Amino acid sequence: MQTIRIYTSQAPHVVGQEVLLEYAIEDFLARVTRLKPWYRARYEALLTDMENHFSQLLRRPVPLAAFTNLLIDHWLDIQYPNPLAGQVVEEFQKYLLEWNWIESPKSVSI
């Protein structure tokens, strides 16, 4: 039996449509780069690569609900040994929780 963490989206500022990963990435980049503009290009490149990778796996635009540790770990394995990839994902996850894009993860056994 495998346990995965599932993030549920609550993004209250996206109304009447499915919350996509790209919306959260755009908002994250806008907020982070206001404080650290020198990170923009590197963060944007990594997050865009991650979104494109997920999109190819899912064959459609990526809903934020698909942003699970299973997909994240798969992408990080591909990025290894790039330490910035893990840092960006960690910072992005903290942002998602802090700004109420997602709720705290819940463990689910499958």
Protein backbone atom coordinates (compact mmCIF):
# COMPACT_ATOMS: atom_id res chain seq x y z
CA MET A 1 0.00 0.00 0.00
CA GLN A 2 1.35 3.39 -0.96
CA THR A 3 0.55 6.64 0.81
CA ILE A 4 0.40 9.86 -1.17
CA ARG A 5 -0.33 13.42 -0.15
CA ILE A 6 -3.21 15.09 -1.91
CA TYR A 7 -3.57 18.85 -2.00
CA THR A 8 -7.08 20.15 -2.43
CA SER A 9 -7.54 23.45 -4.17
CA GLN A 10 -9.58 26.19 -2.62
CA ALA A 11 -8.26 29.20 -4.58
CA PRO A 12 -11.09 31.58 -3.69
CA HIS A 13 -9.96 34.17 -6.22
CA VAL A 14 -10.62 31.85 -9.20
CA VAL A 15 -14.37 31.70 -9.66
CA GLY A 16 -16.45 29.61 -12.03
CA GLN A 17 -13.67 27.62 -13.63
CA GLU A 18 -11.19 24.87 -12.86
CA VAL A 19 -8.12 26.16 -11.04
CA LEU A 20 -5.10 25.49 -13.24
CA LEU A 21 -1.50 25.14 -12.15
CA GLU A 22 -0.54 27.88 -14.59
CA TYR A 23 -2.71 30.43 -12.70
CA ALA A 24 -0.91 29.66 -9.45
CA ILE A 25 2.50 29.81 -11.14
CA GLU A 26 1.73 33.22 -12.68
CA ASP A 27 0.59 34.59 -9.33
CA PHE A 28 3.59 33.09 -7.53
CA LEU A 29 6.03 34.58 -10.00
CA ALA A 30 4.39 38.01 -9.73
CA ARG A 31 4.61 37.98 -5.92
CA VAL A 32 8.07 36.43 -5.58
CA THR A 33 9.70 38.59 -8.19
CA ARG A 34 8.43 41.74 -6.53
CA LEU A 35 10.58 40.79 -3.57
CA LYS A 36 13.38 39.02 -5.46
CA PRO A 37 13.38 40.18 -9.10
CA TRP A 38 16.71 38.47 -9.79
CA TYR A 39 14.98 35.07 -9.38
CA ARG A 40 12.36 35.63 -12.09
CA ALA A 41 14.10 34.03 -15.06
CA ARG A 42 15.32 30.93 -13.21
CA TYR A 43 12.07 30.35 -11.30
CA GLU A 44 9.97 30.92 -14.39
CA ALA A 45 12.08 28.51 -16.47
CA LEU A 46 11.85 25.74 -13.87
CA LEU A 47 8.15 26.16 -13.13
CA THR A 48 7.28 26.37 -16.83
CA ASP A 49 9.29 23.21 -17.45
CA MET A 50 7.46 21.49 -14.58
CA GLU A 51 4.05 22.58 -15.90
CA ASN A 52 4.94 21.45 -19.44
CA HIS A 53 6.10 18.09 -18.11
CA PHE A 54 2.84 17.58 -16.18
CA SER A 55 0.83 18.71 -19.20
CA GLN A 56 2.52 16.10 -21.40
CA LEU A 57 1.85 13.38 -18.83
CA LEU A 58 -1.81 14.36 -18.39
CA ARG A 59 -2.35 15.37 -22.04
CA ARG A 60 -4.31 18.47 -21.05
CA PRO A 61 -3.96 21.74 -19.12
CA VAL A 62 -2.85 20.88 -15.60
CA PRO A 63 -5.42 21.38 -12.85
CA LEU A 64 -3.91 22.53 -9.57
CA ALA A 65 -5.41 19.43 -7.95
CA ALA A 66 -2.97 17.32 -10.02
CA PHE A 67 -0.04 18.98 -8.25
CA THR A 68 0.63 15.93 -6.05
CA ASN A 69 3.83 14.74 -4.44
CA LEU A 70 3.82 11.79 -6.84
CA LEU A 71 4.12 14.07 -9.91
CA ILE A 72 6.42 16.49 -8.10
CA ASP A 73 8.83 13.72 -7.09
CA HIS A 74 8.82 12.37 -10.66
CA TRP A 75 9.72 15.79 -12.04
CA LEU A 76 12.39 16.37 -9.38
CA ASP A 77 13.99 13.03 -10.29
CA ILE A 78 14.29 14.29 -13.88
CA GLN A 79 15.79 17.59 -12.66
CA TYR A 80 18.40 15.91 -10.47
CA PRO A 81 21.09 17.13 -9.62
CA ASN A 82 19.70 20.67 -9.96
CA PRO A 83 19.33 21.83 -6.33
CA LEU A 84 17.38 24.92 -7.39
CA ALA A 85 14.50 22.75 -8.64
CA GLY A 86 13.80 21.40 -5.16
CA GLN A 87 14.13 24.86 -3.64
CA VAL A 88 11.68 26.36 -6.15
CA VAL A 89 9.11 23.59 -5.61
CA GLU A 90 9.38 23.95 -1.83
CA GLU A 91 8.96 27.73 -2.01
CA PHE A 92 6.04 27.33 -4.46
CA GLN A 93 4.28 24.83 -2.15
CA LYS A 94 4.70 27.19 0.82
CA TYR A 95 3.25 30.01 -1.26
CA LEU A 96 0.27 27.87 -2.31
CA LEU A 97 -0.55 27.11 1.33
CA GLU A 98 0.10 30.63 2.60
CA TRP A 99 -2.04 32.32 -0.05
CA ASN A 100 -4.85 29.74 0.20
CA TRP A 101 -4.48 28.24 -3.24
CA ILE A 102 -4.49 24.84 -1.55
CA GLU A 103 -5.32 23.41 1.84
CA SER A 104 -2.83 21.51 3.95
CA PRO A 105 -2.08 18.12 2.39
CA LYS A 106 -3.91 15.06 3.60
CA SER A 107 -2.39 11.59 3.52
CA VAL A 108 -4.36 9.00 1.59
CA SER A 109 -3.55 5.31 1.35
CA ILE A 110 -4.00 3.72 -2.05
